[in-house]
């Protein structure tokens, strides 16, 4: 039998698409890992690269109160915390 993913059968690993012999023992299927996508399609790196103007706009869009004495770094930290990144 052929599988579209990596399979362990009777202690032997078979690559995806390889012929796996039939037998009494059950094959252990190893599903590929799927990484969770970042929330709102934005990453910490994206936020870190933003200018102060972009950060202020994003903070306001996310309901974060912005004051003139806040640094861009402080705003970025608040956005990251708010988006749970």
C-alpha atoms as a PDB file:
ATOM      1  CA  UNK A   1       0.000   0.000   0.000  1.00  0.00           C
ATOM      2  CA  UNK A   2       1.184   3.571  -0.673  1.00  0.00           C
ATOM      3  CA  UNK A   3       0.656   6.536   1.631  1.00  0.00           C
ATOM      4  CA  UNK A   4       0.879  10.257   0.862  1.00  0.00           C
ATOM      5  CA  UNK A   5       2.881  10.791   4.051  1.00  0.00           C
ATOM      6  CA  UNK A   6       5.707   9.226   6.071  1.00  0.00           C
ATOM      7  CA  UNK A   7       4.723   5.874   7.684  1.00  0.00           C
ATOM      8  CA  UNK A   8       6.330   3.564  10.269  1.00  0.00           C
ATOM      9  CA  UNK A   9       5.442  -0.100   9.757  1.00  0.00           C
ATOM     10  CA  UNK A  10       6.958  -2.960  11.787  1.00  0.00           C
ATOM     11  CA  UNK A  11       9.721  -0.655  13.034  1.00  0.00           C
ATOM     12  CA  UNK A  12      10.678   0.529   9.527  1.00  0.00           C
ATOM     13  CA  UNK A  13      10.092   4.073   8.250  1.00  0.00           C
ATOM     14  CA  UNK A  14       8.797   4.446   4.703  1.00  0.00           C
ATOM     15  CA  UNK A  15       8.898   7.736   2.799  1.00  0.00           C
ATOM     16  CA  UNK A  16       5.758   9.312   1.357  1.00  0.00           C
ATOM     17  CA  UNK A  17       4.768   7.466  -1.828  1.00  0.00           C
ATOM     18  CA  UNK A  18       6.884   4.407  -1.021  1.00  0.00           C
ATOM     19  CA  UNK A  19       5.332   0.941  -1.171  1.00  0.00           C
ATOM     20  CA  UNK A  20       4.561  -0.278   2.356  1.00  0.00           C
ATOM     21  CA  UNK A  21       4.151  -4.063   2.673  1.00  0.00           C
ATOM     22  CA  UNK A  22       0.805  -5.355   3.922  1.00  0.00           C
ATOM     23  CA  UNK A  23       0.873  -7.418   7.086  1.00  0.00           C
ATOM     24  CA  UNK A  24      -0.786  -8.162  10.397  1.00  0.00           C
ATOM     25  CA  UNK A  25       0.937  -5.308  12.250  1.00  0.00           C
ATOM     26  CA  UNK A  26      -0.674  -1.899  12.081  1.00  0.00           C
ATOM     27  CA  UNK A  27       1.173   0.994  10.510  1.00  0.00           C
ATOM     28  CA  UNK A  28       1.891   4.040  12.648  1.00  0.00           C
ATOM     29  CA  UNK A  29       0.957   7.144  10.671  1.00  0.00           C
ATOM     30  CA  UNK A  30       2.921  10.342  11.239  1.00  0.00           C
ATOM     31  CA  UNK A  31       0.932  13.333  10.039  1.00  0.00           C
ATOM     32  CA  UNK A  32       2.920  16.358   8.918  1.00  0.00           C
ATOM     33  CA  UNK A  33       2.977  19.242  11.400  1.00  0.00           C
ATOM     34  CA  UNK A  34       0.913  22.253  10.455  1.00  0.00           C
ATOM     35  CA  UNK A  35       2.106  25.530  11.923  1.00  0.00           C
ATOM     36  CA  UNK A  36      -0.454  27.974  13.174  1.00  0.00           C
ATOM     37  CA  UNK A  37      -0.678  31.129  11.102  1.00  0.00           C
ATOM     38  CA  UNK A  38       0.002  34.425  12.842  1.00  0.00           C
ATOM     39  CA  UNK A  39      -3.073  36.303  14.005  1.00  0.00           C
ATOM     40  CA  UNK A  40      -4.184  39.163  11.774  1.00  0.00           C
ATOM     41  CA  UNK A  41      -1.540  38.104   9.246  1.00  0.00           C
ATOM     42  CA  UNK A  42       1.150  40.140  10.998  1.00  0.00           C
ATOM     43  CA  UNK A  43       4.266  39.058  12.880  1.00  0.00           C
ATOM     44  CA  UNK A  44       6.434  40.604  15.587  1.00  0.00           C
ATOM     45  CA  UNK A  45       9.061  41.253  12.915  1.00  0.00           C
ATOM     46  CA  UNK A  46       6.553  43.188  10.811  1.00  0.00           C
ATOM     47  CA  UNK A  47       5.702  45.348  13.808  1.00  0.00           C
ATOM     48  CA  UNK A  48       9.365  45.875  14.713  1.00  0.00           C
ATOM     49  CA  UNK A  49      10.052  47.223  11.204  1.00  0.00           C
ATOM     50  CA  UNK A  50       7.213  49.764  11.267  1.00  0.00           C
ATOM     51  CA  UNK A  51       7.789  53.495  11.461  1.00  0.00           C
ATOM     52  CA  UNK A  52       6.329  55.481  14.353  1.00  0.00           C
ATOM     53  CA  UNK A  53       3.546  56.773  12.093  1.00  0.00           C
ATOM     54  CA  UNK A  54       2.537  53.230  11.118  1.00  0.00           C
ATOM     55  CA  UNK A  55       2.719  52.069  14.739  1.00  0.00           C
ATOM     56  CA  UNK A  56       0.523  54.928  15.963  1.00  0.00           C
ATOM     57  CA  UNK A  57      -2.065  54.175  13.278  1.00  0.00           C
ATOM     58  CA  UNK A  58      -2.053  50.444  14.103  1.00  0.00           C
ATOM     59  CA  UNK A  59      -2.300  51.127  17.838  1.00  0.00           C
ATOM     60  CA  UNK A  60      -5.326  53.365  17.329  1.00  0.00           C
ATOM     61  CA  UNK A  61      -6.955  50.740  15.067  1.00  0.00           C
ATOM     62  CA  UNK A  62      -6.514  48.169  17.845  1.00  0.00           C
ATOM     63  CA  UNK A  63      -7.970  50.349  20.598  1.00  0.00           C
ATOM     64  CA  UNK A  64      -4.681  51.245  22.271  1.00  0.00           C
ATOM     65  CA  UNK A  65      -4.549  54.714  23.792  1.00  0.00           C
ATOM     66  CA  UNK A  66      -1.642  56.656  22.312  1.00  0.00           C
ATOM     67  CA  UNK A  67       0.021  59.577  24.089  1.00  0.00           C
ATOM     68  CA  UNK A  68       2.732  61.903  22.783  1.00  0.00           C
ATOM     69  CA  UNK A  69       5.230  60.804  25.431  1.00  0.00           C
ATOM     70  CA  UNK A  70       5.074  57.114  24.404  1.00  0.00           C
ATOM     71  CA  UNK A  71       8.020  55.864  22.385  1.00  0.00           C
ATOM     72  CA  UNK A  72       7.604  53.762  19.248  1.00  0.00           C
ATOM     73  CA  UNK A  73       9.078  50.792  21.150  1.00  0.00           C
ATOM     74  CA  UNK A  74       6.459  51.119  23.898  1.00  0.00           C
ATOM     75  CA  UNK A  75       3.694  51.268  21.304  1.00  0.00           C
ATOM     76  CA  UNK A  76       5.100  48.224  19.501  1.00  0.00           C
ATOM     77  CA  UNK A  77       5.190  46.295  22.791  1.00  0.00           C
ATOM     78  CA  UNK A  78       1.559  47.220  23.488  1.00  0.00           C
ATOM     79  CA  UNK A  79       0.480  46.106  20.003  1.00  0.00           C
ATOM     80  CA  UNK A  80       2.327  42.798  20.363  1.00  0.00           C
ATOM     81  CA  UNK A  81       0.667  42.224  23.752  1.00  0.00           C
ATOM     82  CA  UNK A  82      -2.781  43.187  22.402  1.00  0.00           C
ATOM     83  CA  UNK A  83      -2.452  40.846  19.365  1.00  0.00           C
ATOM     84  CA  UNK A  84      -1.022  38.068  21.580  1.00  0.00           C
ATOM     85  CA  UNK A  85       2.013  37.545  19.342  1.00  0.00           C
END
